[in-house]
Amino acid sequence: SVYALLAALDKVACDQRTNGTIVMEELKNLTLANGVSGNLSFTQNGDRQDPTYSIWNYHRKGNAFVEVGWTGTKIGSATIEPGTEVCFGSW
């Protein structure tokens, strides 16, 4: 996110902001709380720590996507909205 990059750049000296290695280290050490997609932090590999993914169904008749739940990367972390089910359609 742009906000994460700005927060990391704010911690880097002005004359070092074009140094990608230094900026990346600040991003890896960054923690932002209560963002739109939850808390944001990164692993030492630069991947998002504990990401959350939305689960969507596509309805052909209405030509619309409907969010039916969300999941993380850990087994058992999926949550499906009550009264809905995930549809695995074929094209």
N, C-alpha and C. Protein backbone atom coordinates (compact mmCIF):
# COMPACT_ATOMS: atom_id res chain seq x y z
N SER A 1 0.83 -1.18 0.00
CA SER A 1 0.00 0.00 0.00
C SER A 1 0.87 1.24 0.00
N VAL A 2 0.32 2.28 -0.54
CA VAL A 2 1.04 3.55 -0.61
C VAL A 2 1.30 4.07 0.80
N TYR A 3 0.32 3.89 1.69
CA TYR A 3 0.49 4.38 3.07
C TYR A 3 1.66 3.69 3.76
N ALA A 4 1.81 2.39 3.55
CA ALA A 4 2.93 1.65 4.14
C ALA A 4 4.25 2.17 3.60
N LEU A 5 4.32 2.41 2.30
CA LEU A 5 5.55 2.95 1.72
C LEU A 5 5.87 4.32 2.28
N LEU A 6 4.87 5.17 2.40
CA LEU A 6 5.09 6.51 2.97
C LEU A 6 5.56 6.43 4.42
N ALA A 7 4.96 5.52 5.19
CA ALA A 7 5.36 5.36 6.59
C ALA A 7 6.82 4.89 6.69
N ALA A 8 7.22 3.97 5.79
CA ALA A 8 8.60 3.50 5.79
C ALA A 8 9.56 4.61 5.35
N LEU A 9 9.19 5.33 4.29
CA LEU A 9 10.05 6.43 3.82
C LEU A 9 10.23 7.51 4.88
N ASP A 10 9.21 7.71 5.70
CA ASP A 10 9.30 8.71 6.76
C ASP A 10 10.39 8.37 7.77
N LYS A 11 10.75 7.10 7.88
CA LYS A 11 11.77 6.67 8.82
C LYS A 11 13.17 6.65 8.22
N VAL A 12 13.27 6.91 6.91
CA VAL A 12 14.56 6.87 6.21
C VAL A 12 15.04 8.30 5.98
N ALA A 13 16.33 8.52 6.18
CA ALA A 13 16.91 9.85 5.93
C ALA A 13 16.67 10.25 4.48
N CYS A 14 16.41 11.53 4.25
CA CYS A 14 16.08 12.03 2.92
C CYS A 14 17.09 11.61 1.85
N ASP A 15 18.37 11.66 2.19
CA ASP A 15 19.39 11.33 1.19
C ASP A 15 19.52 9.82 0.95
N GLN A 16 18.78 8.99 1.71
CA GLN A 16 18.83 7.53 1.55
C GLN A 16 17.54 6.95 0.96
N ARG A 17 16.57 7.80 0.64
CA ARG A 17 15.26 7.31 0.19
C ARG A 17 15.27 6.66 -1.18
N THR A 18 16.33 6.82 -1.94
CA THR A 18 16.44 6.14 -3.23
C THR A 18 17.18 4.81 -3.10
N ASN A 19 17.61 4.48 -1.88
CA ASN A 19 18.30 3.22 -1.61
C ASN A 19 17.24 2.16 -1.27
N GLY A 20 16.93 1.31 -2.25
CA GLY A 20 15.88 0.31 -2.09
C GLY A 20 16.12 -0.66 -0.95
N THR A 21 17.38 -0.98 -0.66
CA THR A 21 17.70 -1.91 0.42
C THR A 21 17.29 -1.33 1.77
N ILE A 22 17.61 -0.07 1.97
CA ILE A 22 17.27 0.59 3.24
C ILE A 22 15.76 0.75 3.37
N VAL A 23 15.10 1.16 2.30
CA VAL A 23 13.64 1.33 2.33
C VAL A 23 12.96 -0.01 2.60
N MET A 24 13.44 -1.09 1.97
CA MET A 24 12.85 -2.41 2.18
C MET A 24 13.01 -2.87 3.62
N GLU A 25 14.15 -2.60 4.23
CA GLU A 25 14.35 -2.96 5.64
C GLU A 25 13.35 -2.23 6.53
N GLU A 26 13.07 -0.98 6.24
CA GLU A 26 12.08 -0.23 7.02
C GLU A 26 10.68 -0.82 6.83
N LEU A 27 10.36 -1.22 5.59
CA LEU A 27 9.06 -1.86 5.34
C LEU A 27 8.93 -3.16 6.13
N LYS A 28 9.99 -3.97 6.17
CA LYS A 28 9.95 -5.24 6.90
C LYS A 28 9.73 -5.03 8.39
N ASN A 29 10.18 -3.90 8.92
CA ASN A 29 10.04 -3.61 10.35
C ASN A 29 8.78 -2.82 10.68
N LEU A 30 7.99 -2.52 9.66
CA LEU A 30 6.81 -1.67 9.82
C LEU A 30 5.62 -2.46 10.37
N THR A 31 4.87 -1.84 11.25
CA THR A 31 3.59 -2.39 11.72
C THR A 31 2.59 -1.24 11.71
N LEU A 32 1.48 -1.44 10.99
CA LEU A 32 0.39 -0.47 10.97
C LEU A 32 -0.85 -1.14 11.53
N ALA A 33 -1.53 -0.48 12.44
CA ALA A 33 -2.70 -1.07 13.09
C ALA A 33 -4.00 -0.51 12.51
N ASN A 34 -5.01 -1.36 12.48
CA ASN A 34 -6.38 -0.97 12.14
C ASN A 34 -6.54 -0.37 10.75
N GLY A 35 -5.87 -0.93 9.78
CA GLY A 35 -6.04 -0.49 8.40
C GLY A 35 -7.32 -1.05 7.81
N VAL A 36 -7.61 -0.69 6.58
CA VAL A 36 -8.81 -1.17 5.89
C VAL A 36 -8.83 -2.69 5.84
N SER A 37 -7.67 -3.31 5.64
CA SER A 37 -7.59 -4.77 5.56
C SER A 37 -7.02 -5.37 6.83
N GLY A 38 -7.12 -4.66 7.94
CA GLY A 38 -6.61 -5.17 9.22
C GLY A 38 -5.23 -4.64 9.54
N ASN A 39 -4.58 -5.29 10.48
CA ASN A 39 -3.22 -4.89 10.85
C ASN A 39 -2.26 -5.28 9.73
N LEU A 40 -1.23 -4.48 9.54
CA LEU A 40 -0.30 -4.70 8.45
C LEU A 40 1.12 -4.78 8.99
N SER A 41 1.77 -5.91 8.70
CA SER A 41 3.19 -6.06 8.98
C SER A 41 3.73 -7.05 7.96
N PHE A 42 5.05 -7.15 7.89
CA PHE A 42 5.70 -7.96 6.87
C PHE A 42 6.65 -8.97 7.49
N THR A 43 6.85 -10.10 6.80
CA THR A 43 7.85 -11.08 7.22
C THR A 43 9.23 -10.58 6.80
N GLN A 44 10.26 -11.27 7.24
CA GLN A 44 11.62 -10.89 6.85
C GLN A 44 11.87 -11.14 5.37
N ASN A 45 11.00 -11.93 4.70
CA ASN A 45 11.09 -12.11 3.25
C ASN A 45 10.37 -11.01 2.49
N GLY A 46 9.67 -10.13 3.21
CA GLY A 46 8.95 -9.04 2.57
C GLY A 46 7.50 -9.37 2.23
N ASP A 47 7.03 -10.57 2.63
CA ASP A 47 5.63 -10.93 2.40
C ASP A 47 4.76 -10.38 3.52
N ARG A 48 3.50 -10.16 3.21
CA ARG A 48 2.59 -9.68 4.24
C ARG A 48 2.40 -10.75 5.31
N GLN A 49 2.47 -10.34 6.56
CA GLN A 49 2.27 -11.23 7.69
C GLN A 49 0.78 -11.47 7.90
N ASP A 50 0.35 -12.73 7.92
CA ASP A 50 -1.03 -13.12 8.16
C ASP A 50 -2.04 -12.38 7.28
N PRO A 51 -1.92 -12.50 5.96
CA PRO A 51 -2.88 -11.83 5.08
C PRO A 51 -4.27 -12.45 5.16
N THR A 52 -5.27 -11.68 4.79
CA THR A 52 -6.65 -12.14 4.73
C THR A 52 -7.14 -11.98 3.29
N TYR A 53 -7.84 -12.99 2.79
CA TYR A 53 -8.34 -12.97 1.42
C TYR A 53 -9.86 -13.09 1.43
N SER A 54 -10.52 -12.32 0.59
CA SER A 54 -11.96 -12.41 0.45
C SER A 54 -12.32 -13.60 -0.44
N ILE A 55 -13.46 -14.23 -0.15
CA ILE A 55 -13.99 -15.31 -0.97
C ILE A 55 -15.25 -14.79 -1.66
N TRP A 56 -15.27 -14.89 -2.98
CA TRP A 56 -16.37 -14.33 -3.77
C TRP A 56 -17.04 -15.41 -4.61
N ASN A 57 -18.34 -15.31 -4.78
CA ASN A 57 -19.08 -16.12 -5.75
C ASN A 57 -19.46 -15.22 -6.91
N TYR A 58 -19.44 -15.77 -8.11
CA TYR A 58 -19.88 -15.04 -9.29
C TYR A 58 -21.27 -15.54 -9.69
N HIS A 59 -22.21 -14.62 -9.84
CA HIS A 59 -23.57 -14.95 -10.25
C HIS A 59 -23.75 -14.51 -11.70
N ARG A 60 -23.85 -15.50 -12.59
CA ARG A 60 -23.96 -15.19 -14.02
C ARG A 60 -25.23 -14.42 -14.36
N LYS A 61 -26.35 -14.80 -13.76
CA LYS A 61 -27.62 -14.14 -14.09
C LYS A 61 -27.56 -12.64 -13.78
N GLY A 62 -27.00 -12.30 -12.67
CA GLY A 62 -26.90 -10.89 -12.31
C GLY A 62 -25.60 -10.25 -12.74
N ASN A 63 -24.72 -11.06 -13.34
CA ASN A 63 -23.41 -10.58 -13.75
C ASN A 63 -22.72 -9.81 -12.62
N ALA A 64 -22.68 -10.45 -11.45
CA ALA A 64 -22.15 -9.76 -10.28
C ALA A 64 -21.36 -10.73 -9.40
N PHE A 65 -20.40 -10.18 -8.69
CA PHE A 65 -19.66 -10.93 -7.68
C PHE A 65 -20.25 -10.60 -6.32
N VAL A 66 -20.35 -11.62 -5.48
CA VAL A 66 -20.89 -11.45 -4.13
C VAL A 66 -19.88 -12.04 -3.14
N GLU A 67 -19.48 -11.23 -2.16
CA GLU A 67 -18.55 -11.72 -1.15
C GLU A 67 -19.30 -12.65 -0.20
N VAL A 68 -18.76 -13.85 -0.02
CA VAL A 68 -19.43 -14.84 0.83
C VAL A 68 -18.59 -15.23 2.04
N GLY A 69 -17.38 -14.71 2.14
CA GLY A 69 -16.54 -15.02 3.29
C GLY A 69 -15.14 -14.52 3.13
N TRP A 70 -14.25 -15.01 3.98
CA TRP A 70 -12.86 -14.62 3.94
C TRP A 70 -12.02 -15.73 4.56
N THR A 71 -10.73 -15.71 4.27
CA THR A 71 -9.82 -16.72 4.81
C THR A 71 -8.43 -16.14 4.96
N GLY A 72 -7.67 -16.74 5.85
CA GLY A 72 -6.26 -16.43 6.01
C GLY A 72 -5.46 -17.54 5.37
N THR A 73 -4.21 -17.64 5.74
CA THR A 73 -3.34 -18.67 5.17
C THR A 73 -3.21 -19.89 6.08
N LYS A 74 -3.80 -19.84 7.25
CA LYS A 74 -3.72 -20.96 8.18
C LYS A 74 -4.93 -21.88 8.03
N ILE A 75 -4.73 -23.19 8.18
CA ILE A 75 -5.81 -24.16 8.09
C ILE A 75 -6.87 -23.83 9.14
N GLY A 76 -8.11 -23.83 8.71
CA GLY A 76 -9.22 -23.55 9.62
C GLY A 76 -9.54 -22.08 9.78
N SER A 77 -8.89 -21.21 9.02
CA SER A 77 -9.12 -19.77 9.21
C SER A 77 -10.26 -19.22 8.36
N ALA A 78 -10.86 -20.05 7.52
CA ALA A 78 -11.93 -19.57 6.64
C ALA A 78 -13.22 -19.31 7.43
N THR A 79 -13.90 -18.24 7.07
CA THR A 79 -15.20 -17.91 7.63
C THR A 79 -16.14 -17.65 6.46
N ILE A 80 -17.26 -18.36 6.43
CA ILE A 80 -18.26 -18.20 5.39
C ILE A 80 -19.49 -17.56 6.02
N GLU A 81 -20.07 -16.57 5.33
CA GLU A 81 -21.26 -15.90 5.84
C GLU A 81 -22.38 -16.91 6.07
N PRO A 82 -23.10 -16.81 7.18
CA PRO A 82 -24.21 -17.73 7.44
C PRO A 82 -25.23 -17.69 6.30
N GLY A 83 -25.72 -18.86 5.92
CA GLY A 83 -26.74 -18.94 4.87
C GLY A 83 -26.19 -18.92 3.46
N THR A 84 -24.87 -18.90 3.30
CA THR A 84 -24.27 -18.92 1.96
C THR A 84 -23.37 -20.12 1.84
N GLU A 85 -22.97 -20.42 0.64
CA GLU A 85 -21.99 -21.47 0.41
C GLU A 85 -21.09 -21.03 -0.73
N VAL A 86 -19.90 -21.59 -0.74
CA VAL A 86 -18.95 -21.29 -1.80
C VAL A 86 -19.30 -22.15 -3.00
N CYS A 87 -19.43 -21.53 -4.16
CA CYS A 87 -19.76 -22.24 -5.39
C CYS A 87 -18.51 -22.34 -6.26
N PHE A 88 -18.19 -23.57 -6.66
CA PHE A 88 -17.06 -23.80 -7.55
C PHE A 88 -17.66 -24.13 -8.92
N GLY A 89 -17.92 -23.12 -9.72
CA GLY A 89 -18.55 -23.32 -11.01
C GLY A 89 -17.55 -23.65 -12.09
N SER A 90 -18.06 -24.11 -13.20
CA SER A 90 -17.22 -24.36 -14.36
C SER A 90 -17.58 -23.37 -15.45
N TRP A 91 -16.62 -23.10 -16.30
CA TRP A 91 -16.87 -22.14 -17.38
C TRP A 91 -17.33 -22.92 -18.52
